[in-house]
Amino acid sequence: MNNIKLIFDDKEILVNLVDNVVTKKLIKELPIVLNFDDYSRIEKIAYIHKKYQIDSTSSPYCPAKGDLMFYAPWGYLALFYNDYIASKDYVMIGKVIAGMMHLDSLKGNVRLEKAV
């Protein structure tokens, strides 16, 4: 699968994507600028203005630091900077492979684009 970059404040986070329906739909929308905010000191979230359908029979997933997820009920991307509890509502988009040190400072307008 592909990689994407999250670019903000002269910083860059590189995410290795997994191959699934939600990821493919997200890639079609790139490049895109999303507004990320902190949520519960666990994740940085940004609404993507679309609610992708997910398989409700999937197994619960336990997000870990560096996971980029889609939270289906509310329609947002979540980039975890701390581990969290398992939920069937998360869909894995990818894992951070570079720039992990920037997770805490991720906020505001962030450009998501395909990495070359």
N, C-alpha and C. Protein backbone atom coordinates (compact mmCIF):
# COMPACT_ATOMS: atom_id res chain seq x y z
N MET A 1 0.86 -1.19 0.00
CA MET A 1 0.00 0.00 0.00
C MET A 1 0.89 1.23 0.00
N ASN A 2 0.29 2.38 -0.01
CA ASN A 2 1.00 3.65 -0.08
C ASN A 2 1.30 4.22 1.29
N ASN A 3 2.07 5.29 1.27
CA ASN A 3 2.31 6.08 2.46
C ASN A 3 1.69 7.46 2.25
N ILE A 4 1.31 8.10 3.35
CA ILE A 4 0.86 9.49 3.29
C ILE A 4 1.68 10.31 4.27
N LYS A 5 1.72 11.61 3.99
CA LYS A 5 2.40 12.55 4.88
C LYS A 5 1.36 13.45 5.51
N LEU A 6 1.56 13.76 6.78
CA LEU A 6 0.79 14.78 7.48
C LEU A 6 1.77 15.92 7.71
N ILE A 7 1.47 17.08 7.14
CA ILE A 7 2.40 18.21 7.18
C ILE A 7 1.76 19.36 7.95
N PHE A 8 2.51 19.90 8.93
CA PHE A 8 2.01 21.01 9.75
C PHE A 8 3.19 21.70 10.41
N ASP A 9 3.14 23.02 10.51
CA ASP A 9 4.17 23.80 11.22
C ASP A 9 5.60 23.34 10.88
N ASP A 10 5.90 23.17 9.60
CA ASP A 10 7.23 22.73 9.15
C ASP A 10 7.63 21.38 9.73
N LYS A 11 6.66 20.58 10.10
CA LYS A 11 6.91 19.23 10.61
C LYS A 11 6.21 18.24 9.69
N GLU A 12 6.66 17.00 9.75
CA GLU A 12 6.09 15.99 8.89
C GLU A 12 5.99 14.65 9.62
N ILE A 13 4.85 14.00 9.46
CA ILE A 13 4.63 12.66 10.00
C ILE A 13 4.33 11.76 8.81
N LEU A 14 5.04 10.64 8.72
CA LEU A 14 4.86 9.71 7.63
C LEU A 14 4.11 8.48 8.14
N VAL A 15 3.03 8.12 7.44
CA VAL A 15 2.17 7.01 7.84
C VAL A 15 2.16 5.96 6.73
N ASN A 16 2.45 4.71 7.10
CA ASN A 16 2.34 3.59 6.19
C ASN A 16 0.91 3.07 6.24
N LEU A 17 0.23 3.07 5.10
CA LEU A 17 -1.19 2.72 5.05
C LEU A 17 -1.42 1.23 4.92
N VAL A 18 -2.55 0.78 5.48
CA VAL A 18 -3.00 -0.60 5.31
C VAL A 18 -3.98 -0.62 4.13
N ASP A 19 -4.18 -1.78 3.58
CA ASP A 19 -5.05 -1.91 2.42
C ASP A 19 -6.45 -2.32 2.87
N ASN A 20 -7.38 -1.35 2.85
CA ASN A 20 -8.78 -1.65 3.13
C ASN A 20 -9.66 -0.62 2.43
N VAL A 21 -10.95 -0.82 2.48
CA VAL A 21 -11.89 0.04 1.76
C VAL A 21 -11.83 1.49 2.24
N VAL A 22 -11.77 1.70 3.53
CA VAL A 22 -11.74 3.05 4.09
C VAL A 22 -10.48 3.78 3.64
N THR A 23 -9.35 3.11 3.69
CA THR A 23 -8.08 3.72 3.27
C THR A 23 -8.14 4.12 1.80
N LYS A 24 -8.68 3.24 0.96
CA LYS A 24 -8.79 3.54 -0.47
C LYS A 24 -9.66 4.76 -0.71
N LYS A 25 -10.75 4.90 0.04
CA LYS A 25 -11.61 6.07 -0.11
C LYS A 25 -10.89 7.34 0.33
N LEU A 26 -10.14 7.26 1.41
CA LEU A 26 -9.40 8.41 1.90
C LEU A 26 -8.36 8.86 0.88
N ILE A 27 -7.64 7.91 0.31
CA ILE A 27 -6.59 8.24 -0.66
C ILE A 27 -7.17 9.01 -1.85
N LYS A 28 -8.39 8.67 -2.26
CA LYS A 28 -9.02 9.35 -3.39
C LYS A 28 -9.28 10.83 -3.10
N GLU A 29 -9.36 11.19 -1.82
CA GLU A 29 -9.64 12.57 -1.43
C GLU A 29 -8.37 13.42 -1.29
N LEU A 30 -7.22 12.80 -1.33
CA LEU A 30 -5.96 13.53 -1.12
C LEU A 30 -5.56 14.32 -2.35
N PRO A 31 -4.89 15.46 -2.19
CA PRO A 31 -4.52 16.09 -0.92
C PRO A 31 -5.73 16.77 -0.29
N ILE A 32 -5.67 16.88 1.02
CA ILE A 32 -6.76 17.50 1.78
C ILE A 32 -6.16 18.17 3.02
N VAL A 33 -6.77 19.25 3.46
CA VAL A 33 -6.35 19.91 4.70
C VAL A 33 -7.45 19.69 5.73
N LEU A 34 -7.05 19.15 6.88
CA LEU A 34 -7.98 18.88 7.97
C LEU A 34 -7.53 19.62 9.22
N ASN A 35 -8.49 19.97 10.06
CA ASN A 35 -8.19 20.67 11.31
C ASN A 35 -8.17 19.66 12.46
N PHE A 36 -6.98 19.41 13.01
CA PHE A 36 -6.82 18.45 14.11
C PHE A 36 -6.86 19.15 15.46
N ASP A 37 -7.53 18.51 16.41
CA ASP A 37 -7.60 18.97 17.80
C ASP A 37 -7.29 17.79 18.71
N ASP A 38 -6.87 18.12 19.92
CA ASP A 38 -6.62 17.09 20.92
C ASP A 38 -7.95 16.57 21.46
N TYR A 39 -8.00 15.27 21.72
CA TYR A 39 -9.20 14.66 22.29
C TYR A 39 -8.78 13.74 23.42
N SER A 40 -9.14 14.11 24.62
CA SER A 40 -8.94 13.30 25.82
C SER A 40 -7.49 12.93 26.13
N ARG A 41 -6.57 13.72 25.65
CA ARG A 41 -5.13 13.46 25.89
C ARG A 41 -4.70 12.07 25.44
N ILE A 42 -5.40 11.57 24.42
CA ILE A 42 -5.10 10.23 23.90
C ILE A 42 -4.88 10.27 22.40
N GLU A 43 -5.68 11.09 21.73
CA GLU A 43 -5.66 11.10 20.28
C GLU A 43 -5.83 12.52 19.75
N LYS A 44 -5.38 12.71 18.53
CA LYS A 44 -5.62 13.95 17.79
C LYS A 44 -6.65 13.60 16.74
N ILE A 45 -7.73 14.38 16.68
CA ILE A 45 -8.82 14.03 15.77
C ILE A 45 -9.11 15.14 14.77
N ALA A 46 -9.62 14.73 13.61
CA ALA A 46 -10.04 15.68 12.58
C ALA A 46 -11.22 15.07 11.82
N TYR A 47 -12.29 15.83 11.71
CA TYR A 47 -13.46 15.36 10.98
C TYR A 47 -13.19 15.44 9.49
N ILE A 48 -13.58 14.40 8.76
CA ILE A 48 -13.28 14.36 7.33
C ILE A 48 -14.51 14.62 6.46
N HIS A 49 -15.61 15.00 7.06
CA HIS A 49 -16.82 15.42 6.36
C HIS A 49 -17.52 14.29 5.60
N LYS A 50 -17.07 13.06 5.80
CA LYS A 50 -17.74 11.92 5.19
C LYS A 50 -17.77 10.80 6.20
N LYS A 51 -18.84 10.06 6.20
CA LYS A 51 -18.91 8.89 7.07
C LYS A 51 -18.80 7.65 6.19
N TYR A 52 -17.66 7.03 6.22
CA TYR A 52 -17.46 5.81 5.45
C TYR A 52 -18.16 4.65 6.14
N GLN A 53 -18.74 3.79 5.34
CA GLN A 53 -19.38 2.59 5.88
C GLN A 53 -18.30 1.58 6.28
N ILE A 54 -18.50 0.93 7.41
CA ILE A 54 -17.55 -0.09 7.83
C ILE A 54 -18.28 -1.40 8.08
N ASP A 55 -17.53 -2.46 8.15
CA ASP A 55 -18.07 -3.78 8.43
C ASP A 55 -18.31 -3.90 9.93
N SER A 56 -19.56 -3.96 10.32
CA SER A 56 -19.90 -3.99 11.76
C SER A 56 -19.59 -5.33 12.41
N THR A 57 -19.17 -6.30 11.63
CA THR A 57 -18.83 -7.61 12.20
C THR A 57 -17.33 -7.73 12.47
N SER A 58 -16.59 -6.66 12.28
CA SER A 58 -15.14 -6.72 12.49
C SER A 58 -14.82 -6.92 13.97
N SER A 59 -13.63 -7.42 14.22
CA SER A 59 -13.18 -7.63 15.60
C SER A 59 -12.79 -6.31 16.23
N PRO A 60 -12.91 -6.20 17.54
CA PRO A 60 -12.46 -4.98 18.21
C PRO A 60 -10.97 -4.75 17.98
N TYR A 61 -10.59 -3.49 17.84
CA TYR A 61 -9.19 -3.13 17.65
C TYR A 61 -8.77 -2.23 18.81
N CYS A 62 -7.60 -2.45 19.31
CA CYS A 62 -7.07 -1.69 20.44
C CYS A 62 -6.01 -0.71 19.90
N PRO A 63 -6.37 0.57 19.70
CA PRO A 63 -5.42 1.53 19.14
C PRO A 63 -4.20 1.72 20.02
N ALA A 64 -3.05 1.88 19.38
CA ALA A 64 -1.78 2.10 20.07
C ALA A 64 -1.15 3.39 19.56
N LYS A 65 -0.19 3.89 20.30
CA LYS A 65 0.53 5.10 19.91
C LYS A 65 1.06 4.94 18.48
N GLY A 66 0.75 5.94 17.64
CA GLY A 66 1.20 5.92 16.25
C GLY A 66 0.19 5.37 15.27
N ASP A 67 -0.96 4.90 15.75
CA ASP A 67 -1.99 4.37 14.86
C ASP A 67 -2.84 5.52 14.31
N LEU A 68 -3.06 5.50 13.00
CA LEU A 68 -4.01 6.40 12.36
C LEU A 68 -5.26 5.59 12.09
N MET A 69 -6.36 6.02 12.69
CA MET A 69 -7.60 5.25 12.63
C MET A 69 -8.73 6.13 12.09
N PHE A 70 -9.79 5.47 11.64
CA PHE A 70 -11.04 6.14 11.31
C PHE A 70 -12.06 5.71 12.35
N TYR A 71 -12.71 6.68 12.99
CA TYR A 71 -13.75 6.37 13.98
C TYR A 71 -15.09 6.53 13.28
N ALA A 72 -15.73 5.42 12.97
CA ALA A 72 -16.92 5.38 12.11
C ALA A 72 -18.13 6.14 12.66
N PRO A 73 -18.50 5.99 13.94
CA PRO A 73 -19.74 6.64 14.39
C PRO A 73 -19.73 8.16 14.24
N TRP A 74 -18.59 8.79 14.41
CA TRP A 74 -18.53 10.25 14.36
C TRP A 74 -17.87 10.77 13.09
N GLY A 75 -17.29 9.90 12.28
CA GLY A 75 -16.70 10.31 11.01
C GLY A 75 -15.44 11.12 11.13
N TYR A 76 -14.52 10.70 11.99
CA TYR A 76 -13.26 11.44 12.08
C TYR A 76 -12.05 10.52 12.00
N LEU A 77 -10.93 11.14 11.61
CA LEU A 77 -9.64 10.47 11.68
C LEU A 77 -9.08 10.67 13.07
N ALA A 78 -8.42 9.67 13.59
CA ALA A 78 -7.80 9.77 14.91
C ALA A 78 -6.36 9.30 14.80
N LEU A 79 -5.44 10.15 15.22
CA LEU A 79 -4.03 9.77 15.28
C LEU A 79 -3.67 9.67 16.76
N PHE A 80 -3.39 8.45 17.19
CA PHE A 80 -3.18 8.19 18.62
C PHE A 80 -1.76 8.52 19.04
N TYR A 81 -1.65 9.28 20.14
CA TYR A 81 -0.34 9.53 20.72
C TYR A 81 -0.22 8.85 22.09
N ASN A 82 -1.25 8.12 22.47
CA ASN A 82 -1.25 7.22 23.63
C ASN A 82 -2.09 6.00 23.28
N ASP A 83 -1.88 4.91 23.98
CA ASP A 83 -2.67 3.70 23.75
C ASP A 83 -4.09 3.91 24.26
N TYR A 84 -5.04 3.11 23.74
CA TYR A 84 -6.43 3.26 24.11
C TYR A 84 -7.10 1.89 24.20
N ILE A 85 -8.37 1.89 24.59
CA ILE A 85 -9.11 0.64 24.77
C ILE A 85 -9.67 0.12 23.42
N ALA A 86 -9.99 -1.14 23.39
CA ALA A 86 -10.49 -1.77 22.17
C ALA A 86 -11.91 -1.31 21.84
N SER A 87 -12.17 -1.22 20.53
CA SER A 87 -13.50 -0.84 20.05
C SER A 87 -13.68 -1.39 18.64
N LYS A 88 -14.90 -1.80 18.33
CA LYS A 88 -15.24 -2.24 16.98
C LYS A 88 -15.45 -1.04 16.05
N ASP A 89 -15.54 0.16 16.60
CA ASP A 89 -15.84 1.34 15.80
C ASP A 89 -14.62 1.94 15.12
N TYR A 90 -13.42 1.47 15.45
CA TYR A 90 -12.21 1.98 14.81
C TYR A 90 -11.82 1.11 13.62
N VAL A 91 -11.38 1.76 12.56
CA VAL A 91 -10.84 1.08 11.39
C VAL A 91 -9.41 1.56 11.22
N MET A 92 -8.48 0.64 11.13
CA MET A 92 -7.07 0.99 10.95
C MET A 92 -6.85 1.60 9.57
N ILE A 93 -6.20 2.75 9.54
CA ILE A 93 -5.80 3.40 8.29
C ILE A 93 -4.31 3.14 8.05
N GLY A 94 -3.51 3.27 9.12
CA GLY A 94 -2.08 3.05 8.98
C GLY A 94 -1.34 3.27 10.28
N LYS A 95 -0.01 3.15 10.19
CA LYS A 95 0.87 3.33 11.35
C LYS A 95 1.95 4.34 11.02
N VAL A 96 2.27 5.17 11.99
CA VAL A 96 3.35 6.14 11.82
C VAL A 96 4.68 5.39 11.69
N ILE A 97 5.45 5.74 10.66
CA ILE A 97 6.76 5.13 10.46
C ILE A 97 7.89 6.15 10.55
N ALA A 98 7.54 7.44 10.59
CA ALA A 98 8.53 8.50 10.78
C ALA A 98 7.82 9.73 11.33
N GLY A 99 8.51 10.44 12.22
CA GLY A 99 7.94 11.65 12.80
C GLY A 99 7.13 11.41 14.06
N MET A 100 7.32 10.27 14.70
CA MET A 100 6.57 9.94 15.92
C MET A 100 6.74 11.04 16.98
N MET A 101 7.90 11.70 16.98
CA MET A 101 8.15 12.73 17.99
C MET A 101 7.26 13.96 17.83
N HIS A 102 6.55 14.06 16.69
CA HIS A 102 5.68 15.22 16.45
C HIS A 102 4.22 14.98 16.83
N LEU A 103 3.90 13.78 17.29
CA LEU A 103 2.49 13.46 17.58
C LEU A 103 1.89 14.41 18.62
N ASP A 104 2.62 14.69 19.68
CA ASP A 104 2.09 15.56 20.74
C ASP A 104 1.78 16.97 20.25
N SER A 105 2.53 17.45 19.27
CA SER A 105 2.35 18.84 18.82
C SER A 105 1.41 18.96 17.62
N LEU A 106 0.87 17.86 17.13
CA LEU A 106 -0.04 17.90 15.99
C LEU A 106 -1.30 18.66 16.38
N LYS A 107 -1.60 19.75 15.65
CA LYS A 107 -2.82 20.51 15.90
C LYS A 107 -3.03 21.50 14.77
N GLY A 108 -4.25 21.98 14.69
CA GLY A 108 -4.58 22.98 13.68
C GLY A 108 -4.67 22.37 12.29
N ASN A 109 -4.47 23.22 11.29
CA ASN A 109 -4.56 22.78 9.91
C ASN A 109 -3.39 21.88 9.54
N VAL A 110 -3.71 20.69 9.07
CA VAL A 110 -2.73 19.69 8.70
C VAL A 110 -3.03 19.24 7.28
N ARG A 111 -2.01 19.28 6.45
CA ARG A 111 -2.18 18.83 5.07
C ARG A 111 -1.85 17.34 4.98
N LEU A 112 -2.77 16.57 4.43
CA LEU A 112 -2.55 15.15 4.19
C LEU A 112 -2.35 14.99 2.69
N GLU A 113 -1.26 14.33 2.33
CA GLU A 113 -0.98 14.11 0.91
C GLU A 113 -0.25 12.79 0.74
N LYS A 114 -0.29 12.28 -0.48
CA LYS A 114 0.44 11.06 -0.80
C LYS A 114 1.92 11.32 -0.68
N ALA A 115 2.64 10.37 -0.12
CA ALA A 115 4.10 10.48 -0.05
C ALA A 115 4.68 9.88 -1.33
N VAL A 116 5.68 10.53 -1.84
CA VAL A 116 6.31 10.06 -3.07
C VAL A 116 7.39 9.05 -2.77
